[in-house]
N, C-alpha and C. Protein backbone atom coordinates (compact mmCIF):
# COMPACT_ATOMS: atom_id res chain seq x y z
N MET A 1 -6.48 8.60 -6.03
CA MET A 1 -5.62 9.22 -5.04
C MET A 1 -6.30 9.13 -3.67
N LEU A 2 -5.52 8.79 -2.68
CA LEU A 2 -6.05 8.66 -1.34
C LEU A 2 -6.22 10.04 -0.70
N THR A 3 -7.37 10.24 -0.08
CA THR A 3 -7.60 11.49 0.64
C THR A 3 -6.94 11.39 2.02
N THR A 4 -6.75 12.52 2.64
CA THR A 4 -6.13 12.56 3.96
C THR A 4 -6.98 11.80 4.97
N LYS A 5 -8.29 11.96 4.87
CA LYS A 5 -9.20 11.30 5.80
C LYS A 5 -9.10 9.77 5.66
N LYS A 6 -9.04 9.29 4.42
CA LYS A 6 -8.94 7.85 4.17
C LYS A 6 -7.61 7.31 4.69
N LYS A 7 -6.52 8.06 4.48
CA LYS A 7 -5.21 7.64 5.00
C LYS A 7 -5.23 7.54 6.52
N GLN A 8 -5.84 8.53 7.17
CA GLN A 8 -5.91 8.52 8.63
C GLN A 8 -6.68 7.32 9.14
N GLN A 9 -7.76 6.95 8.44
CA GLN A 9 -8.54 5.78 8.84
C GLN A 9 -7.71 4.50 8.71
N ILE A 10 -6.97 4.39 7.63
CA ILE A 10 -6.14 3.20 7.41
C ILE A 10 -5.04 3.12 8.47
N VAL A 11 -4.39 4.26 8.74
CA VAL A 11 -3.32 4.30 9.75
C VAL A 11 -3.88 3.91 11.11
N LYS A 12 -5.02 4.47 11.47
CA LYS A 12 -5.62 4.18 12.77
C LYS A 12 -5.98 2.70 12.90
N LYS A 13 -6.43 2.10 11.81
CA LYS A 13 -6.84 0.69 11.83
C LYS A 13 -5.64 -0.25 11.99
N HIS A 14 -4.46 0.11 11.44
CA HIS A 14 -3.31 -0.79 11.40
C HIS A 14 -2.18 -0.39 12.35
N GLN A 15 -2.38 0.58 13.20
CA GLN A 15 -1.33 1.03 14.12
C GLN A 15 -0.97 -0.04 15.14
N CYS A 16 0.32 -0.09 15.47
CA CYS A 16 0.80 -0.97 16.54
C CYS A 16 0.70 -0.26 17.89
N HIS A 17 0.95 1.05 17.88
CA HIS A 17 0.84 1.88 19.07
C HIS A 17 0.36 3.26 18.64
N GLU A 18 0.10 4.13 19.59
CA GLU A 18 -0.55 5.41 19.32
C GLU A 18 0.23 6.32 18.37
N THR A 19 1.55 6.32 18.44
CA THR A 19 2.33 7.23 17.60
C THR A 19 2.87 6.56 16.34
N ASP A 20 2.45 5.35 16.07
CA ASP A 20 2.91 4.59 14.90
C ASP A 20 2.24 5.14 13.64
N THR A 21 3.04 5.70 12.73
CA THR A 21 2.47 6.25 11.49
C THR A 21 3.16 5.72 10.25
N GLY A 22 4.24 4.98 10.39
CA GLY A 22 4.98 4.57 9.21
C GLY A 22 5.55 3.17 9.25
N SER A 23 4.99 2.30 10.08
CA SER A 23 5.52 0.94 10.14
C SER A 23 5.20 0.21 8.84
N SER A 24 5.84 -0.91 8.66
CA SER A 24 5.65 -1.69 7.43
C SER A 24 4.20 -2.14 7.26
N LYS A 25 3.54 -2.49 8.35
CA LYS A 25 2.13 -2.90 8.27
C LYS A 25 1.27 -1.78 7.69
N ILE A 26 1.49 -0.57 8.16
CA ILE A 26 0.72 0.57 7.67
C ILE A 26 1.06 0.85 6.21
N GLN A 27 2.33 0.78 5.87
CA GLN A 27 2.72 1.05 4.49
C GLN A 27 2.12 0.02 3.54
N VAL A 28 2.06 -1.24 3.95
CA VAL A 28 1.45 -2.27 3.11
C VAL A 28 -0.04 -1.97 2.93
N ALA A 29 -0.71 -1.56 4.00
CA ALA A 29 -2.13 -1.25 3.92
C ALA A 29 -2.38 -0.06 2.98
N LEU A 30 -1.56 0.97 3.09
CA LEU A 30 -1.71 2.15 2.22
C LEU A 30 -1.43 1.79 0.76
N LEU A 31 -0.38 1.02 0.54
CA LEU A 31 -0.06 0.61 -0.83
C LEU A 31 -1.17 -0.25 -1.41
N THR A 32 -1.75 -1.12 -0.60
CA THR A 32 -2.83 -1.98 -1.08
C THR A 32 -4.02 -1.13 -1.53
N GLU A 33 -4.34 -0.12 -0.76
CA GLU A 33 -5.46 0.76 -1.12
C GLU A 33 -5.17 1.49 -2.43
N ARG A 34 -3.96 2.00 -2.58
CA ARG A 34 -3.60 2.70 -3.82
C ARG A 34 -3.62 1.75 -5.02
N ILE A 35 -3.16 0.52 -4.81
CA ILE A 35 -3.16 -0.48 -5.88
C ILE A 35 -4.59 -0.80 -6.31
N GLU A 36 -5.49 -0.92 -5.35
CA GLU A 36 -6.89 -1.19 -5.69
C GLU A 36 -7.49 -0.05 -6.51
N GLN A 37 -7.18 1.18 -6.12
CA GLN A 37 -7.69 2.33 -6.86
C GLN A 37 -7.12 2.37 -8.28
N LEU A 38 -5.84 2.11 -8.42
CA LEU A 38 -5.24 2.12 -9.75
C LEU A 38 -5.76 0.99 -10.62
N THR A 39 -6.04 -0.14 -10.02
CA THR A 39 -6.60 -1.26 -10.77
C THR A 39 -7.96 -0.90 -11.34
N LYS A 40 -8.80 -0.25 -10.53
CA LYS A 40 -10.10 0.21 -11.02
C LYS A 40 -9.93 1.20 -12.16
N HIS A 41 -8.99 2.12 -12.00
CA HIS A 41 -8.73 3.13 -13.02
C HIS A 41 -8.30 2.47 -14.33
N LEU A 42 -7.43 1.48 -14.24
CA LEU A 42 -6.92 0.83 -15.46
C LEU A 42 -7.97 -0.04 -16.15
N LYS A 43 -8.96 -0.50 -15.41
CA LYS A 43 -10.06 -1.23 -16.05
C LYS A 43 -10.87 -0.30 -16.94
N LYS A 44 -11.00 0.95 -16.52
CA LYS A 44 -11.74 1.94 -17.31
C LYS A 44 -10.87 2.53 -18.42
N ASN A 45 -9.57 2.63 -18.17
CA ASN A 45 -8.63 3.27 -19.10
C ASN A 45 -7.48 2.33 -19.44
N PRO A 46 -7.72 1.34 -20.29
CA PRO A 46 -6.70 0.32 -20.54
C PRO A 46 -5.46 0.82 -21.28
N LYS A 47 -5.54 1.97 -21.92
CA LYS A 47 -4.38 2.47 -22.67
C LYS A 47 -3.51 3.44 -21.86
N ASP A 48 -3.79 3.59 -20.59
CA ASP A 48 -3.04 4.49 -19.73
C ASP A 48 -1.78 3.78 -19.24
N HIS A 49 -0.74 3.81 -20.05
CA HIS A 49 0.48 3.06 -19.75
C HIS A 49 1.30 3.68 -18.62
N GLY A 50 1.19 4.97 -18.44
CA GLY A 50 1.90 5.61 -17.33
C GLY A 50 1.38 5.13 -15.98
N SER A 51 0.07 5.04 -15.88
CA SER A 51 -0.52 4.53 -14.64
C SER A 51 -0.20 3.05 -14.45
N ARG A 52 -0.13 2.31 -15.54
CA ARG A 52 0.20 0.88 -15.45
C ARG A 52 1.62 0.72 -14.90
N ARG A 53 2.53 1.56 -15.35
CA ARG A 53 3.91 1.51 -14.86
C ARG A 53 3.94 1.85 -13.37
N GLY A 54 3.19 2.86 -12.98
CA GLY A 54 3.11 3.23 -11.57
C GLY A 54 2.55 2.11 -10.72
N LEU A 55 1.54 1.41 -11.26
CA LEU A 55 0.96 0.27 -10.56
C LEU A 55 2.00 -0.81 -10.33
N LEU A 56 2.78 -1.10 -11.34
CA LEU A 56 3.82 -2.14 -11.20
C LEU A 56 4.86 -1.74 -10.16
N LYS A 57 5.19 -0.46 -10.10
CA LYS A 57 6.15 0.01 -9.09
C LYS A 57 5.56 -0.15 -7.68
N LEU A 58 4.27 0.18 -7.54
CA LEU A 58 3.63 0.04 -6.23
C LEU A 58 3.57 -1.42 -5.79
N VAL A 59 3.26 -2.30 -6.73
CA VAL A 59 3.20 -3.73 -6.41
C VAL A 59 4.57 -4.23 -5.96
N ALA A 60 5.62 -3.80 -6.63
CA ALA A 60 6.97 -4.21 -6.25
C ALA A 60 7.34 -3.67 -4.87
N GLU A 61 6.94 -2.45 -4.59
CA GLU A 61 7.24 -1.85 -3.29
C GLU A 61 6.49 -2.59 -2.18
N ARG A 62 5.22 -2.92 -2.44
CA ARG A 62 4.44 -3.66 -1.45
C ARG A 62 5.03 -5.04 -1.21
N ARG A 63 5.47 -5.69 -2.28
CA ARG A 63 6.07 -7.02 -2.15
C ARG A 63 7.32 -6.95 -1.27
N ALA A 64 8.12 -5.90 -1.42
CA ALA A 64 9.32 -5.75 -0.61
C ALA A 64 8.96 -5.59 0.87
N HIS A 65 7.93 -4.80 1.16
CA HIS A 65 7.51 -4.62 2.55
C HIS A 65 6.97 -5.93 3.13
N GLU A 66 6.20 -6.67 2.33
CA GLU A 66 5.67 -7.94 2.81
C GLU A 66 6.79 -8.95 3.06
N LYS A 67 7.80 -8.94 2.21
CA LYS A 67 8.95 -9.82 2.39
C LYS A 67 9.66 -9.49 3.70
N TYR A 68 9.81 -8.20 3.98
CA TYR A 68 10.44 -7.77 5.22
C TYR A 68 9.63 -8.25 6.43
N LEU A 69 8.30 -8.10 6.35
CA LEU A 69 7.45 -8.51 7.47
C LEU A 69 7.53 -10.01 7.71
N THR A 70 7.56 -10.80 6.64
CA THR A 70 7.65 -12.26 6.83
C THR A 70 9.00 -12.66 7.40
N SER A 71 10.07 -11.99 6.97
CA SER A 71 11.39 -12.32 7.52
C SER A 71 11.48 -11.91 8.98
N LYS A 72 10.81 -10.83 9.33
CA LYS A 72 10.80 -10.37 10.71
C LYS A 72 10.04 -11.35 11.60
N LYS A 73 8.94 -11.91 11.09
CA LYS A 73 8.16 -12.89 11.84
C LYS A 73 8.94 -14.18 12.06
N LYS A 74 9.70 -14.59 11.04
CA LYS A 74 10.47 -15.84 11.14
C LYS A 74 11.56 -15.74 12.20
N LYS A 75 12.13 -14.55 12.38
CA LYS A 75 13.20 -14.38 13.37
C LYS A 75 12.69 -14.50 14.79
N LYS A 76 11.42 -14.20 15.01
CA LYS A 76 10.86 -14.26 16.38
C LYS A 76 10.56 -15.64 16.79
């Protein structure tokens, strides 16, 4: 689980402007961090199927955000 301090660091690193807290870039960065943590957890606990399902949902959500970002870049 991401701590508030870690989230703030990630948001600050990926912000487009000072008040940006929820853009797709930030959401991809946060999802990537959560995915990495869950991957480590699943290496230690291979029978945790609930977490595995959650991981797959996060990966799908991140893929959707990345698809949006690439389509947005192509339009410019």
